[in-house]
Structures are given as C-alpha cells and as structure tokens.
Amino acid sequence: MEAKEGVKVAQEEEKVVKELRQGLVAIKIPKSTKSRIRGQWSNALIVKVYGRIVGFNYLHRKILALWKPTGRIDCIDLGKDFFLIRFSLKKYHDLVLKKGPWFVGENFLSIRPWEPNFKPALGVVSSVAIWVRLNELPIEYYDREALMFIRQAIKNVLRIDTYTASKARRRYARLCI
C-alpha cells in the first residue's frame, strides 16, 4: 500500500512541476498584501527618454540636475528603456507631473505615474511633447491674452516658451504641444 501511495505522491508532484513550467499555476495575493506592497511605489514615476537610448547612470545624473530634488530619489532600470523614479517626498512627485514638459538633452522625457503590474515589454509611449514655432508672429500678438486665444485654437498646449511669454524673442513664438 505504501508503494502505491508513494507513486501517487510522485505523480502529483510531477504534475505540479509540469503545471508550473507551463505557467498554469495562479497565485492569489490578498488585497491587504497588494495594498501594502504597492504603497511604497505611490511616489514613483515611470519614465522613458523618447527617441534615444540612455543608460542608467546618465539618466540618473540628468534627472538630478533637471529636477534638483531634496530628499532621496531612487532610479531603477525596469528594462526596455523604461526607468522608475521614486521620490522620498510626495511634493517632488507632484511637481514633476505638473511642471514640464521635460527634456533630456533634445529628447522628450515621457513621464507617467507608477501603475501596478506595469510590464516594460508592453509599455508604450502614446504621446510626446513637441515645440511648435509660430514664425513671424506680429509683435502685438505677444500679449498674454492674445497668446491664450492662439493656445486655445491649437489645443493641447502644455506651455508657452519663457522667451515668448516675456517678449524677449520676437522672431518666432514657441508653444509646447
């Protein structure tokens, strides 16, 4: 009888191993555990430099120079050119999301809040920011109110160039869309 039970146990163990190899085993993680393990990433952003492959150390240096955060900032390479940036202070997370657009060199830095179950292989950059020049815009339209009308017509304007807003450059106006 013991021999039969031993064979049965071995067959069951083999079945479990086979199922694991085929990826057929599902693990149910309680909501309380998910909430706890995800909480540490609430101040994190998923970033990708659009149009250029950059290394971890280069990006980390550029981000520190660009955002100048106080407190700790962690940079984690997620693979497929995506990086996770986690701030120790929530205010920097919010500031980076609200300000911008951000560029590393001449390349747009795609930024989104961290999301559970993010898989870099499936991650896509669905939009990018670009600067539009309005060449030879007559001088009188460098007025704040006039620029707002132009902004509304173009739609999705993220920001007006500092030089344009301050009337320091008059050959063209720049809007980031």
C-alpha atoms as a PDB file:
ATOM      1  CA  MET A   1       0.000   0.000   0.000  1.00  0.00           C
ATOM      2  CA  GLU A   2       2.846   2.359   0.813  1.00  0.00           C
ATOM      3  CA  ALA A   3       4.371   1.810  -2.608  1.00  0.00           C
ATOM      4  CA  LYS A   4       1.129   2.796  -4.336  1.00  0.00           C
ATOM      5  CA  GLU A   5       0.848   5.944  -2.194  1.00  0.00           C
ATOM      6  CA  GLY A   6       4.463   6.801  -2.964  1.00  0.00           C
ATOM      7  CA  VAL A   7       3.796   6.504  -6.690  1.00  0.00           C
ATOM      8  CA  LYS A   8       0.647   8.633  -6.354  1.00  0.00           C
ATOM      9  CA  VAL A   9       2.526  11.371  -4.444  1.00  0.00           C
ATOM     10  CA  ALA A  10       5.338  11.326  -7.014  1.00  0.00           C
ATOM     11  CA  GLN A  11       2.798  11.631  -9.843  1.00  0.00           C
ATOM     12  CA  GLU A  12       1.099  14.578  -8.110  1.00  0.00           C
ATOM     13  CA  GLU A  13       4.449  16.287  -7.523  1.00  0.00           C
ATOM     14  CA  GLU A  14       5.352  15.755 -11.171  1.00  0.00           C
ATOM     15  CA  LYS A  15       2.010  17.233 -12.211  1.00  0.00           C
ATOM     16  CA  VAL A  16       2.596  20.366 -10.093  1.00  0.00           C
ATOM     17  CA  VAL A  17       6.077  20.826 -11.540  1.00  0.00           C
ATOM     18  CA  LYS A  18       4.742  20.357 -15.048  1.00  0.00           C
ATOM     19  CA  GLU A  19       1.978  22.865 -14.426  1.00  0.00           C
ATOM     20  CA  LEU A  20       4.469  25.383 -13.051  1.00  0.00           C
ATOM     21  CA  ARG A  21       6.619  25.028 -16.134  1.00  0.00           C
ATOM     22  CA  GLN A  22       3.639  25.632 -18.385  1.00  0.00           C
ATOM     23  CA  GLY A  23       2.619  28.685 -16.362  1.00  0.00           C
ATOM     24  CA  LEU A  24      -0.724  27.225 -15.373  1.00  0.00           C
ATOM     25  CA  VAL A  25      -0.483  27.905 -11.663  1.00  0.00           C
ATOM     26  CA  ALA A  26      -2.157  31.064 -10.401  1.00  0.00           C
ATOM     27  CA  ILE A  27      -1.340  32.687  -7.094  1.00  0.00           C
ATOM     28  CA  LYS A  28      -3.972  34.709  -5.305  1.00  0.00           C
ATOM     29  CA  ILE A  29      -2.491  37.542  -3.278  1.00  0.00           C
ATOM     30  CA  PRO A  30      -4.818  39.137  -0.715  1.00  0.00           C
ATOM     31  CA  LYS A  31      -5.843  42.774  -1.259  1.00  0.00           C
ATOM     32  CA  SER A  32      -4.257  43.763   2.056  1.00  0.00           C
ATOM     33  CA  THR A  33      -0.885  42.431   0.895  1.00  0.00           C
ATOM     34  CA  LYS A  34      -1.228  44.109  -2.509  1.00  0.00           C
ATOM     35  CA  SER A  35      -2.079  47.387  -0.827  1.00  0.00           C
ATOM     36  CA  ARG A  36       0.940  47.119   1.474  1.00  0.00           C
ATOM     37  CA  ILE A  37       3.467  46.219  -1.244  1.00  0.00           C
ATOM     38  CA  ARG A  38       2.130  48.817  -3.674  1.00  0.00           C
ATOM     39  CA  GLY A  39       2.107  51.645  -1.138  1.00  0.00           C
ATOM     40  CA  GLN A  40       5.865  52.098  -1.332  1.00  0.00           C
ATOM     41  CA  TRP A  41       5.565  52.999  -5.035  1.00  0.00           C
ATOM     42  CA  SER A  42       2.917  55.731  -4.701  1.00  0.00           C
ATOM     43  CA  ASN A  43       5.600  58.439  -5.097  1.00  0.00           C
ATOM     44  CA  ALA A  44       7.104  56.826  -8.171  1.00  0.00           C
ATOM     45  CA  LEU A  45       7.060  57.735 -11.848  1.00  0.00           C
ATOM     46  CA  ILE A  46       7.691  55.619 -14.913  1.00  0.00           C
ATOM     47  CA  VAL A  47       9.934  57.482 -17.349  1.00  0.00           C
ATOM     48  CA  LYS A  48      11.384  56.859 -20.783  1.00  0.00           C
ATOM     49  CA  VAL A  49      13.576  59.066 -22.932  1.00  0.00           C
ATOM     50  CA  TYR A  50      11.789  59.199 -26.258  1.00  0.00           C
ATOM     51  CA  GLY A  51      13.901  58.801 -29.392  1.00  0.00           C
ATOM     52  CA  ARG A  52      17.157  57.902 -27.642  1.00  0.00           C
ATOM     53  CA  ILE A  53      18.505  55.003 -25.623  1.00  0.00           C
ATOM     54  CA  VAL A  54      20.159  56.185 -22.417  1.00  0.00           C
ATOM     55  CA  GLY A  55      21.982  54.358 -19.671  1.00  0.00           C
ATOM     56  CA  PHE A  56      21.023  54.229 -16.021  1.00  0.00           C
ATOM     57  CA  ASN A  57      23.863  56.432 -14.716  1.00  0.00           C
ATOM     58  CA  TYR A  58      23.387  59.052 -17.449  1.00  0.00           C
ATOM     59  CA  LEU A  59      19.638  59.323 -16.824  1.00  0.00           C
ATOM     60  CA  HIS A  60      20.055  59.424 -13.058  1.00  0.00           C
ATOM     61  CA  ARG A  61      22.577  62.291 -13.313  1.00  0.00           C
ATOM     62  CA  LYS A  62      20.406  64.222 -15.779  1.00  0.00           C
ATOM     63  CA  ILE A  63      17.274  63.838 -13.656  1.00  0.00           C
ATOM     64  CA  LEU A  64      19.056  65.023 -10.515  1.00  0.00           C
ATOM     65  CA  ALA A  65      20.302  68.098 -12.413  1.00  0.00           C
ATOM     66  CA  LEU A  66      16.918  68.724 -14.055  1.00  0.00           C
ATOM     67  CA  TRP A  67      14.617  68.352 -11.038  1.00  0.00           C
ATOM     68  CA  LYS A  68      17.039  69.177  -8.192  1.00  0.00           C
ATOM     69  CA  PRO A  69      15.043  67.270  -5.597  1.00  0.00           C
ATOM     70  CA  THR A  70      15.742  67.424  -1.897  1.00  0.00           C
ATOM     71  CA  GLY A  71      15.372  64.151  -0.129  1.00  0.00           C
ATOM     72  CA  ARG A  72      16.154  60.774  -1.584  1.00  0.00           C
ATOM     73  CA  ILE A  73      15.447  59.814  -5.171  1.00  0.00           C
ATOM     74  CA  ASP A  74      15.736  56.223  -6.373  1.00  0.00           C
ATOM     75  CA  CYS A  75      16.243  55.336 -10.022  1.00  0.00           C
ATOM     76  CA  ILE A  76      15.512  51.772 -11.090  1.00  0.00           C
ATOM     77  CA  ASP A  77      16.087  50.329 -14.560  1.00  0.00           C
ATOM     78  CA  LEU A  78      12.927  48.417 -15.492  1.00  0.00           C
ATOM     79  CA  GLY A  79      14.253  47.255 -18.857  1.00  0.00           C
ATOM     80  CA  LYS A  80      13.122  48.077 -22.407  1.00  0.00           C
ATOM     81  CA  ASP A  81      14.385  51.683 -21.858  1.00  0.00           C
ATOM     82  CA  PHE A  82      11.867  52.346 -19.065  1.00  0.00           C
ATOM     83  CA  PHE A  83      13.005  53.583 -15.667  1.00  0.00           C
ATOM     84  CA  LEU A  84      11.249  54.004 -12.361  1.00  0.00           C
ATOM     85  CA  ILE A  85      11.963  57.184 -10.418  1.00  0.00           C
ATOM     86  CA  ARG A  86      10.833  57.124  -6.784  1.00  0.00           C
ATOM     87  CA  PHE A  87      10.857  60.220  -4.611  1.00  0.00           C
ATOM     88  CA  SER A  88      11.064  60.193  -0.833  1.00  0.00           C
ATOM     89  CA  LEU A  89       8.951  63.377  -0.819  1.00  0.00           C
ATOM     90  CA  LYS A  90       5.487  63.441  -2.412  1.00  0.00           C
ATOM     91  CA  LYS A  91       5.792  67.127  -3.336  1.00  0.00           C
ATOM     92  CA  TYR A  92       8.520  66.373  -5.910  1.00  0.00           C
ATOM     93  CA  HIS A  93       6.450  63.590  -7.458  1.00  0.00           C
ATOM     94  CA  ASP A  94       3.553  66.019  -7.907  1.00  0.00           C
ATOM     95  CA  LEU A  95       5.793  68.881  -9.058  1.00  0.00           C
ATOM     96  CA  VAL A  96       7.404  66.791 -11.802  1.00  0.00           C
ATOM     97  CA  LEU A  97       3.993  65.626 -13.051  1.00  0.00           C
ATOM     98  CA  LYS A  98       2.530  69.147 -13.107  1.00  0.00           C
ATOM     99  CA  LYS A  99       5.548  71.009 -14.497  1.00  0.00           C
ATOM    100  CA  GLY A 100       7.231  70.241 -17.726  1.00  0.00           C
ATOM    101  CA  PRO A 101       7.408  69.114 -20.378  1.00  0.00           C
ATOM    102  CA  TRP A 102      10.800  67.706 -19.531  1.00  0.00           C
ATOM    103  CA  PHE A 103      13.658  67.031 -21.897  1.00  0.00           C
ATOM    104  CA  VAL A 104      16.915  65.139 -21.522  1.00  0.00           C
ATOM    105  CA  GLY A 105      19.145  66.918 -23.976  1.00  0.00           C
ATOM    106  CA  GLU A 106      16.955  67.413 -27.038  1.00  0.00           C
ATOM    107  CA  ASN A 107      14.845  64.326 -26.310  1.00  0.00           C
ATOM    108  CA  PHE A 108      11.408  64.323 -24.712  1.00  0.00           C
ATOM    109  CA  LEU A 109      11.157  62.596 -21.329  1.00  0.00           C
ATOM    110  CA  SER A 110       7.928  60.630 -21.232  1.00  0.00           C
ATOM    111  CA  ILE A 111       6.575  60.608 -17.667  1.00  0.00           C
ATOM    112  CA  ARG A 112       3.611  58.832 -16.146  1.00  0.00           C
ATOM    113  CA  PRO A 113       2.632  57.916 -12.611  1.00  0.00           C
ATOM    114  CA  TRP A 114       3.652  54.434 -11.497  1.00  0.00           C
ATOM    115  CA  GLU A 115       0.943  51.869 -12.163  1.00  0.00           C
ATOM    116  CA  PRO A 116       0.562  48.391 -10.667  1.00  0.00           C
ATOM    117  CA  ASN A 117       1.571  45.470 -12.878  1.00  0.00           C
ATOM    118  CA  PHE A 118       3.478  47.660 -15.346  1.00  0.00           C
ATOM    119  CA  LYS A 119       5.330  45.482 -17.849  1.00  0.00           C
ATOM    120  CA  PRO A 120       8.037  47.288 -19.840  1.00  0.00           C
ATOM    121  CA  ALA A 121       7.690  44.902 -22.802  1.00  0.00           C
ATOM    122  CA  LEU A 122       4.064  46.026 -23.159  1.00  0.00           C
ATOM    123  CA  GLY A 123       4.667  49.681 -22.272  1.00  0.00           C
ATOM    124  CA  VAL A 124       4.137  52.242 -24.998  1.00  0.00           C
ATOM    125  CA  VAL A 125       4.642  55.970 -25.213  1.00  0.00           C
ATOM    126  CA  SER A 126       1.308  57.173 -26.540  1.00  0.00           C
ATOM    127  CA  SER A 127       2.111  60.860 -26.800  1.00  0.00           C
ATOM    128  CA  VAL A 128       5.112  63.160 -26.917  1.00  0.00           C
ATOM    129  CA  ALA A 129       5.605  66.856 -26.396  1.00  0.00           C
ATOM    130  CA  ILE A 130       6.983  68.947 -29.226  1.00  0.00           C
ATOM    131  CA  TRP A 131       7.743  72.646 -29.595  1.00  0.00           C
ATOM    132  CA  VAL A 132       5.873  74.467 -32.350  1.00  0.00           C
ATOM    133  CA  ARG A 133       7.241  77.711 -33.797  1.00  0.00           C
ATOM    134  CA  LEU A 134       4.941  80.453 -34.941  1.00  0.00           C
ATOM    135  CA  ASN A 135       7.287  82.225 -37.330  1.00  0.00           C
ATOM    136  CA  GLU A 136       6.904  85.948 -37.842  1.00  0.00           C
ATOM    137  CA  LEU A 137       4.052  86.326 -35.373  1.00  0.00           C
ATOM    138  CA  PRO A 138       3.263  90.061 -35.391  1.00  0.00           C
ATOM    139  CA  ILE A 139       4.581  91.792 -32.299  1.00  0.00           C
ATOM    140  CA  GLU A 140       1.176  92.808 -30.935  1.00  0.00           C
ATOM    141  CA  TYR A 141       0.199  89.125 -30.526  1.00  0.00           C
ATOM    142  CA  TYR A 142       2.912  88.556 -27.928  1.00  0.00           C
ATOM    143  CA  ASP A 143       0.287  89.744 -25.462  1.00  0.00           C
ATOM    144  CA  ARG A 144      -0.703  87.237 -22.740  1.00  0.00           C
ATOM    145  CA  GLU A 145      -4.413  87.329 -23.648  1.00  0.00           C
ATOM    146  CA  ALA A 146      -3.724  87.030 -27.388  1.00  0.00           C
ATOM    147  CA  LEU A 147      -1.403  84.080 -26.767  1.00  0.00           C
ATOM    148  CA  MET A 148      -4.183  82.396 -24.782  1.00  0.00           C
ATOM    149  CA  PHE A 149      -6.503  82.680 -27.808  1.00  0.00           C
ATOM    150  CA  ILE A 150      -3.807  81.168 -30.005  1.00  0.00           C
ATOM    151  CA  ARG A 151      -3.273  78.480 -27.366  1.00  0.00           C
ATOM    152  CA  GLN A 152      -6.988  77.594 -27.389  1.00  0.00           C
ATOM    153  CA  ALA A 153      -7.022  77.342 -31.176  1.00  0.00           C
ATOM    154  CA  ILE A 154      -4.035  74.999 -31.276  1.00  0.00           C
ATOM    155  CA  LYS A 155      -5.375  72.850 -28.399  1.00  0.00           C
ATOM    156  CA  ASN A 156      -3.316  70.725 -26.034  1.00  0.00           C
ATOM    157  CA  VAL A 157      -0.709  73.438 -25.454  1.00  0.00           C
ATOM    158  CA  LEU A 158       1.318  72.345 -22.462  1.00  0.00           C
ATOM    159  CA  ARG A 159       3.293  75.517 -22.038  1.00  0.00           C
ATOM    160  CA  ILE A 160       4.380  78.749 -23.634  1.00  0.00           C
ATOM    161  CA  ASP A 161       8.104  79.302 -24.046  1.00  0.00           C
ATOM    162  CA  THR A 162       9.621  81.615 -21.417  1.00  0.00           C
ATOM    163  CA  TYR A 163      11.108  83.899 -24.070  1.00  0.00           C
ATOM    164  CA  THR A 164       7.745  84.133 -25.824  1.00  0.00           C
ATOM    165  CA  ALA A 165       5.876  84.931 -22.608  1.00  0.00           C
ATOM    166  CA  SER A 166       8.407  87.589 -21.602  1.00  0.00           C
ATOM    167  CA  LYS A 167       8.577  89.057 -25.126  1.00  0.00           C
ATOM    168  CA  ALA A 168      12.359  88.566 -25.139  1.00  0.00           C
ATOM    169  CA  ARG A 169      12.453  86.821 -28.523  1.00  0.00           C
ATOM    170  CA  ARG A 170      10.384  88.199 -31.363  1.00  0.00           C
ATOM    171  CA  ARG A 171      11.437  86.249 -34.463  1.00  0.00           C
ATOM    172  CA  TYR A 172       9.018  83.496 -33.520  1.00  0.00           C
ATOM    173  CA  ALA A 173       6.735  82.378 -30.710  1.00  0.00           C
ATOM    174  CA  ARG A 174       7.142  78.867 -29.267  1.00  0.00           C
ATOM    175  CA  LEU A 175       4.403  76.715 -27.824  1.00  0.00           C
ATOM    176  CA  CYS A 176       4.840  73.206 -26.497  1.00  0.00           C
ATOM    177  CA  ILE A 177       2.065  70.823 -27.576  1.00  0.00           C
END
